[in-house]
Amino acid sequence: FSMDGDHALLRKLVQLKREHGAMLM
């Protein structure tokens, strides 16, 4: 994140993407 410098929780995002049939960008 450009103004905070921290990371997205990518592993959890991948898990939620799978569970809900979403695309991930």
PDB file of all heavy atoms in Angstrom:
ATOM      1  N   PHE A   1       0.838  -1.199   0.000  1.00  0.00           N
ATOM      2  CA  PHE A   1       0.000   0.000   0.000  1.00  0.00           C
ATOM      3  C   PHE A   1       0.875   1.251   0.000  1.00  0.00           C
ATOM      4  O   PHE A   1       1.766   1.415   0.842  1.00  0.00           O
ATOM      5  CB  PHE A   1      -0.959  -0.039   1.187  1.00  0.00           C
ATOM      6  CG  PHE A   1      -1.991  -1.118   1.050  1.00  0.00           C
ATOM      7  CD1 PHE A   1      -1.758  -2.380   1.572  1.00  0.00           C
ATOM      8  CD2 PHE A   1      -3.165  -0.892   0.348  1.00  0.00           C
ATOM      9  CE1 PHE A   1      -2.694  -3.394   1.416  1.00  0.00           C
ATOM     10  CE2 PHE A   1      -4.102  -1.899   0.185  1.00  0.00           C
ATOM     11  CZ  PHE A   1      -3.865  -3.153   0.714  1.00  0.00           C
ATOM     12  N   SER A   2       0.584   2.128  -0.959  1.00  0.00           N
ATOM     13  CA  SER A   2       1.503   3.203  -1.311  1.00  0.00           C
ATOM     14  C   SER A   2       1.691   4.259  -0.235  1.00  0.00           C
ATOM     15  O   SER A   2       2.736   4.914  -0.198  1.00  0.00           O
ATOM     16  CB  SER A   2       1.039   3.886  -2.606  1.00  0.00           C
ATOM     17  OG  SER A   2      -0.265   4.420  -2.454  1.00  0.00           O
ATOM     18  N   MET A   3       0.717   4.463   0.642  1.00  0.00           N
ATOM     19  CA  MET A   3       0.847   5.492   1.663  1.00  0.00           C
ATOM     20  C   MET A   3       1.126   4.925   3.054  1.00  0.00           C
ATOM     21  O   MET A   3       1.402   5.656   3.992  1.00  0.00           O
ATOM     22  CB  MET A   3      -0.430   6.355   1.721  1.00  0.00           C
ATOM     23  CG  MET A   3      -0.633   7.203   0.490  1.00  0.00           C
ATOM     24  SD  MET A   3       0.720   8.373   0.240  1.00  0.00           S
ATOM     25  CE  MET A   3       1.233   7.959  -1.424  1.00  0.00           C
ATOM     26  N   ASP A   4       1.031   3.603   3.197  1.00  0.00           N
ATOM     27  CA  ASP A   4       1.263   2.967   4.497  1.00  0.00           C
ATOM     28  C   ASP A   4       2.452   2.016   4.483  1.00  0.00           C
ATOM     29  O   ASP A   4       3.036   1.739   5.525  1.00  0.00           O
ATOM     30  CB  ASP A   4       0.006   2.223   4.946  1.00  0.00           C
ATOM     31  CG  ASP A   4      -1.105   3.174   5.314  1.00  0.00           C
ATOM     32  OD1 ASP A   4      -1.710   3.774   4.407  1.00  0.00           O
ATOM     33  OD2 ASP A   4      -1.356   3.343   6.521  1.00  0.00           O
ATOM     34  N   GLY A   5       2.790   1.476   3.306  1.00  0.00           N
ATOM     35  CA  GLY A   5       3.953   0.620   3.195  1.00  0.00           C
ATOM     36  C   GLY A   5       3.768  -0.795   3.699  1.00  0.00           C
ATOM     37  O   GLY A   5       4.724  -1.575   3.724  1.00  0.00           O
ATOM     38  N   ASP A   6       2.538  -1.153   4.105  1.00  0.00           N
ATOM     39  CA  ASP A   6       2.299  -2.515   4.578  1.00  0.00           C
ATOM     40  C   ASP A   6       1.796  -3.398   3.440  1.00  0.00           C
ATOM     41  O   ASP A   6       1.549  -2.930   2.335  1.00  0.00           O
ATOM     42  CB  ASP A   6       1.316  -2.515   5.749  1.00  0.00           C
ATOM     43  CG  ASP A   6      -0.022  -1.868   5.411  1.00  0.00           C
ATOM     44  OD1 ASP A   6      -0.098  -1.139   4.405  1.00  0.00           O
ATOM     45  OD2 ASP A   6      -0.996  -2.095   6.149  1.00  0.00           O
ATOM     46  N   HIS A   7       1.642  -4.687   3.714  1.00  0.00           N
ATOM     47  CA  HIS A   7       1.287  -5.656   2.696  1.00  0.00           C
ATOM     48  C   HIS A   7      -0.185  -6.072   2.776  1.00  0.00           C
ATOM     49  O   HIS A   7      -0.776  -6.101   3.859  1.00  0.00           O
ATOM     50  CB  HIS A   7       2.113  -6.935   2.854  1.00  0.00           C
ATOM     51  CG  HIS A   7       3.580  -6.743   2.723  1.00  0.00           C
ATOM     52  ND1 HIS A   7       4.494  -7.723   3.012  1.00  0.00           N
ATOM     53  CD2 HIS A   7       4.313  -5.679   2.314  1.00  0.00           C
ATOM     54  CE1 HIS A   7       5.714  -7.282   2.801  1.00  0.00           C
ATOM     55  NE2 HIS A   7       5.631  -6.035   2.385  1.00  0.00           N
ATOM     56  N   ALA A   8      -0.735  -6.446   1.627  1.00  0.00           N
ATOM     57  CA  ALA A   8      -2.038  -7.096   1.600  1.00  0.00           C
ATOM     58  C   ALA A   8      -1.903  -8.507   2.154  1.00  0.00           C
ATOM     59  O   ALA A   8      -0.837  -9.126   2.081  1.00  0.00           O
ATOM     60  CB  ALA A   8      -2.567  -7.150   0.166  1.00  0.00           C
ATOM     61  N   LEU A   9      -2.988  -9.021   2.700  1.00  0.00           N
ATOM     62  CA  LEU A   9      -2.998 -10.382   3.239  1.00  0.00           C
ATOM     63  C   LEU A   9      -3.316 -11.347   2.094  1.00  0.00           C
ATOM     64  O   LEU A   9      -4.421 -11.861   1.959  1.00  0.00           O
ATOM     65  CB  LEU A   9      -4.021 -10.492   4.367  1.00  0.00           C
ATOM     66  CG  LEU A   9      -3.819  -9.501   5.517  1.00  0.00           C
ATOM     67  CD1 LEU A   9      -4.898  -9.682   6.583  1.00  0.00           C
ATOM     68  CD2 LEU A   9      -2.427  -9.662   6.133  1.00  0.00           C
ATOM     69  N   LEU A  10      -2.324 -11.602   1.270  1.00  0.00           N
ATOM     70  CA  LEU A  10      -2.535 -12.297   0.006  1.00  0.00           C
ATOM     71  C   LEU A  10      -3.014 -13.732   0.183  1.00  0.00           C
ATOM     72  O   LEU A  10      -3.853 -14.207  -0.584  1.00  0.00           O
ATOM     73  CB  LEU A  10      -1.252 -12.258  -0.827  1.00  0.00           C
ATOM     74  CG  LEU A  10      -0.854 -10.873  -1.344  1.00  0.00           C
ATOM     75  CD1 LEU A  10       0.514 -10.933  -2.012  1.00  0.00           C
ATOM     76  CD2 LEU A  10      -1.895 -10.338  -2.313  1.00  0.00           C
ATOM     77  N   ARG A  11      -2.498 -14.452   1.152  1.00  0.00           N
ATOM     78  CA  ARG A  11      -2.925 -15.846   1.336  1.00  0.00           C
ATOM     79  C   ARG A  11      -4.412 -15.922   1.660  1.00  0.00           C
ATOM     80  O   ARG A  11      -5.141 -16.772   1.138  1.00  0.00           O
ATOM     81  CB  ARG A  11      -2.105 -16.515   2.432  1.00  0.00           C
ATOM     82  CG  ARG A  11      -0.628 -16.629   2.095  1.00  0.00           C
ATOM     83  CD  ARG A  11       0.094 -17.579   3.039  1.00  0.00           C
ATOM     84  NE  ARG A  11       1.535 -17.484   2.844  1.00  0.00           N
ATOM     85  CZ  ARG A  11       2.201 -18.033   1.848  1.00  0.00           C
ATOM     86  NH1 ARG A  11       1.533 -18.750   0.936  1.00  0.00           N
ATOM     87  NH2 ARG A  11       3.508 -17.890   1.737  1.00  0.00           N
ATOM     88  N   LYS A  12      -4.868 -15.041   2.513  1.00  0.00           N
ATOM     89  CA  LYS A  12      -6.283 -15.024   2.870  1.00  0.00           C
ATOM     90  C   LYS A  12      -7.136 -14.581   1.687  1.00  0.00           C
ATOM     91  O   LYS A  12      -8.246 -15.105   1.465  1.00  0.00           O
ATOM     92  CB  LYS A  12      -6.508 -14.098   4.068  1.00  0.00           C
ATOM     93  CG  LYS A  12      -7.922 -14.113   4.614  1.00  0.00           C
ATOM     94  CD  LYS A  12      -8.308 -15.483   5.147  1.00  0.00           C
ATOM     95  CE  LYS A  12      -9.695 -15.455   5.779  1.00  0.00           C
ATOM     96  NZ  LYS A  12     -10.113 -16.795   6.252  1.00  0.00           N
ATOM     97  N   LEU A  13      -6.638 -13.638   0.905  1.00  0.00           N
ATOM     98  CA  LEU A  13      -7.371 -13.187  -0.276  1.00  0.00           C
ATOM     99  C   LEU A  13      -7.538 -14.324  -1.285  1.00  0.00           C
ATOM    100  O   LEU A  13      -8.610 -14.480  -1.889  1.00  0.00           O
ATOM    101  CB  LEU A  13      -6.656 -12.005  -0.928  1.00  0.00           C
ATOM    102  CG  LEU A  13      -6.712 -10.680  -0.170  1.00  0.00           C
ATOM    103  CD1 LEU A  13      -5.788  -9.667  -0.807  1.00  0.00           C
ATOM    104  CD2 LEU A  13      -8.134 -10.148  -0.125  1.00  0.00           C
ATOM    105  N   VAL A  14      -6.502 -15.121  -1.458  1.00  0.00           N
ATOM    106  CA  VAL A  14      -6.588 -16.268  -2.363  1.00  0.00           C
ATOM    107  C   VAL A  14      -7.620 -17.265  -1.847  1.00  0.00           C
ATOM    108  O   VAL A  14      -8.437 -17.806  -2.613  1.00  0.00           O
ATOM    109  CB  VAL A  14      -5.203 -16.941  -2.505  1.00  0.00           C
ATOM    110  CG1 VAL A  14      -5.335 -18.322  -3.150  1.00  0.00           C
ATOM    111  CG2 VAL A  14      -4.271 -16.060  -3.323  1.00  0.00           C
ATOM    112  N   GLN A  15      -7.620 -17.491  -0.544  1.00  0.00           N
ATOM    113  CA  GLN A  15      -8.586 -18.413   0.048  1.00  0.00           C
ATOM    114  C   GLN A  15     -10.022 -17.927  -0.174  1.00  0.00           C
ATOM    115  O   GLN A  15     -10.906 -18.706  -0.568  1.00  0.00           O
ATOM    116  CB  GLN A  15      -8.311 -18.556   1.541  1.00  0.00           C
ATOM    117  CG  GLN A  15      -9.282 -19.466   2.276  1.00  0.00           C
ATOM    118  CD  GLN A  15      -9.050 -19.464   3.785  1.00  0.00           C
ATOM    119  OE1 GLN A  15      -7.942 -19.174   4.252  1.00  0.00           O
ATOM    120  NE2 GLN A  15     -10.086 -19.772   4.535  1.00  0.00           N
ATOM    121  N   LEU A  16     -10.272 -16.640   0.048  1.00  0.00           N
ATOM    122  CA  LEU A  16     -11.616 -16.093  -0.123  1.00  0.00           C
ATOM    123  C   LEU A  16     -12.021 -16.086  -1.595  1.00  0.00           C
ATOM    124  O   LEU A  16     -13.189 -16.316  -1.929  1.00  0.00           O
ATOM    125  CB  LEU A  16     -11.681 -14.679   0.449  1.00  0.00           C
ATOM    126  CG  LEU A  16     -11.608 -14.591   1.975  1.00  0.00           C
ATOM    127  CD1 LEU A  16     -11.507 -13.140   2.423  1.00  0.00           C
ATOM    128  CD2 LEU A  16     -12.820 -15.264   2.611  1.00  0.00           C
ATOM    129  N   LYS A  17     -11.073 -15.834  -2.463  1.00  0.00           N
ATOM    130  CA  LYS A  17     -11.350 -15.887  -3.899  1.00  0.00           C
ATOM    131  C   LYS A  17     -11.852 -17.270  -4.286  1.00  0.00           C
ATOM    132  O   LYS A  17     -12.836 -17.415  -5.032  1.00  0.00           O
ATOM    133  CB  LYS A  17     -10.074 -15.548  -4.671  1.00  0.00           C
ATOM    134  CG  LYS A  17     -10.116 -15.891  -6.157  1.00  0.00           C
ATOM    135  CD  LYS A  17      -8.752 -16.277  -6.672  1.00  0.00           C
ATOM    136  CE  LYS A  17      -8.904 -17.178  -7.875  1.00  0.00           C
ATOM    137  NZ  LYS A  17      -7.644 -17.421  -8.562  1.00  0.00           N
ATOM    138  N   ARG A  18     -11.187 -18.293  -3.806  1.00  0.00           N
ATOM    139  CA  ARG A  18     -11.584 -19.668  -4.123  1.00  0.00           C
ATOM    140  C   ARG A  18     -12.969 -19.983  -3.557  1.00  0.00           C
ATOM    141  O   ARG A  18     -13.815 -20.559  -4.238  1.00  0.00           O
ATOM    142  CB  ARG A  18     -10.570 -20.653  -3.548  1.00  0.00           C
ATOM    143  CG  ARG A  18      -9.216 -20.659  -4.250  1.00  0.00           C
ATOM    144  CD  ARG A  18      -8.294 -21.571  -3.481  1.00  0.00           C
ATOM    145  NE  ARG A  18      -6.991 -21.749  -4.116  1.00  0.00           N
ATOM    146  CZ  ARG A  18      -5.989 -22.404  -3.543  1.00  0.00           C
ATOM    147  NH1 ARG A  18      -6.137 -22.916  -2.332  1.00  0.00           N
ATOM    148  NH2 ARG A  18      -4.841 -22.540  -4.181  1.00  0.00           N
ATOM    149  N   GLU A  19     -13.182 -19.608  -2.299  1.00  0.00           N
ATOM    150  CA  GLU A  19     -14.446 -19.936  -1.629  1.00  0.00           C
ATOM    151  C   GLU A  19     -15.644 -19.305  -2.316  1.00  0.00           C
ATOM    152  O   GLU A  19     -16.730 -19.899  -2.362  1.00  0.00           O
ATOM    153  CB  GLU A  19     -14.394 -19.475  -0.167  1.00  0.00           C
ATOM    154  CG  GLU A  19     -13.460 -20.289   0.718  1.00  0.00           C
ATOM    155  CD  GLU A  19     -13.423 -19.747   2.133  1.00  0.00           C
ATOM    156  OE1 GLU A  19     -14.189 -18.791   2.441  1.00  0.00           O
ATOM    157  OE2 GLU A  19     -12.626 -20.262   2.948  1.00  0.00           O
ATOM    158  N   HIS A  20     -15.464 -18.105  -2.866  1.00  0.00           N
ATOM    159  CA  HIS A  20     -16.604 -17.352  -3.394  1.00  0.00           C
ATOM    160  C   HIS A  20     -16.614 -17.251  -4.918  1.00  0.00           C
ATOM    161  O   HIS A  20     -17.447 -16.525  -5.477  1.00  0.00           O
ATOM    162  CB  HIS A  20     -16.613 -15.960  -2.769  1.00  0.00           C
ATOM    163  CG  HIS A  20     -16.897 -15.975  -1.291  1.00  0.00           C
ATOM    164  ND1 HIS A  20     -18.179 -15.944  -0.777  1.00  0.00           N
ATOM    165  CD2 HIS A  20     -16.053 -16.034  -0.229  1.00  0.00           C
ATOM    166  CE1 HIS A  20     -18.114 -15.972   0.547  1.00  0.00           C
ATOM    167  NE2 HIS A  20     -16.844 -16.024   0.909  1.00  0.00           N
ATOM    168  N   GLY A  21     -15.713 -17.953  -5.585  1.00  0.00           N
ATOM    169  CA  GLY A  21     -15.721 -17.947  -7.042  1.00  0.00           C
ATOM    170  C   GLY A  21     -15.474 -16.579  -7.635  1.00  0.00           C
ATOM    171  O   GLY A  21     -16.094 -16.196  -8.632  1.00  0.00           O
ATOM    172  N   ALA A  22     -14.540 -15.827  -7.040  1.00  0.00           N
ATOM    173  CA  ALA A  22     -14.235 -14.477  -7.504  1.00  0.00           C
ATOM    174  C   ALA A  22     -12.940 -14.472  -8.305  1.00  0.00           C
ATOM    175  O   ALA A  22     -12.125 -15.396  -8.225  1.00  0.00           O
ATOM    176  CB  ALA A  22     -14.105 -13.522  -6.318  1.00  0.00           C
ATOM    177  N   MET A  23     -12.746 -13.425  -9.087  1.00  0.00           N
ATOM    178  CA  MET A  23     -11.461 -13.160  -9.729  1.00  0.00           C
ATOM    179  C   MET A  23     -10.608 -12.358  -8.752  1.00  0.00           C
ATOM    180  O   MET A  23     -11.139 -11.625  -7.917  1.00  0.00           O
ATOM    181  CB  MET A  23     -11.652 -12.360 -11.017  1.00  0.00           C
ATOM    182  CG  MET A  23     -12.473 -13.051 -12.087  1.00  0.00           C
ATOM    183  SD  MET A  23     -12.744 -11.984 -13.550  1.00  0.00           S
ATOM    184  CE  MET A  23     -14.001 -10.848 -12.907  1.00  0.00           C
ATOM    185  N   LEU A  24      -9.297 -12.496  -8.874  1.00  0.00           N
ATOM    186  CA  LEU A  24      -8.381 -11.742  -8.022  1.00  0.00           C
ATOM    187  C   LEU A  24      -7.403 -10.960  -8.882  1.00  0.00           C
ATOM    188  O   LEU A  24      -6.703 -11.531  -9.716  1.00  0.00           O
ATOM    189  CB  LEU A  24      -7.614 -12.675  -7.078  1.00  0.00           C
ATOM    190  CG  LEU A  24      -6.551 -12.013  -6.186  1.00  0.00           C
ATOM    191  CD1 LEU A  24      -7.173 -10.956  -5.274  1.00  0.00           C
ATOM    192  CD2 LEU A  24      -5.819 -13.067  -5.354  1.00  0.00           C
ATOM    193  N   MET A  25      -7.364  -9.650  -8.673  1.00  0.00           N
ATOM    194  CA  MET A  25      -6.430  -8.761  -9.371  1.00  0.00           C
ATOM    195  C   MET A  25      -5.537  -8.090  -8.343  1.00  0.00           C
ATOM    196  O   MET A  25      -6.014  -7.604  -7.314  1.00  0.00           O
ATOM    197  CB  MET A  25      -7.196  -7.695 -10.162  1.00  0.00           C
ATOM    198  CG  MET A  25      -6.302  -6.648 -10.811  1.00  0.00           C
ATOM    199  SD  MET A  25      -7.277  -5.417 -11.737  1.00  0.00           S
ATOM    200  CE  MET A  25      -5.965  -4.275 -12.222  1.00  0.00           C
TER     201      MET A  25
END
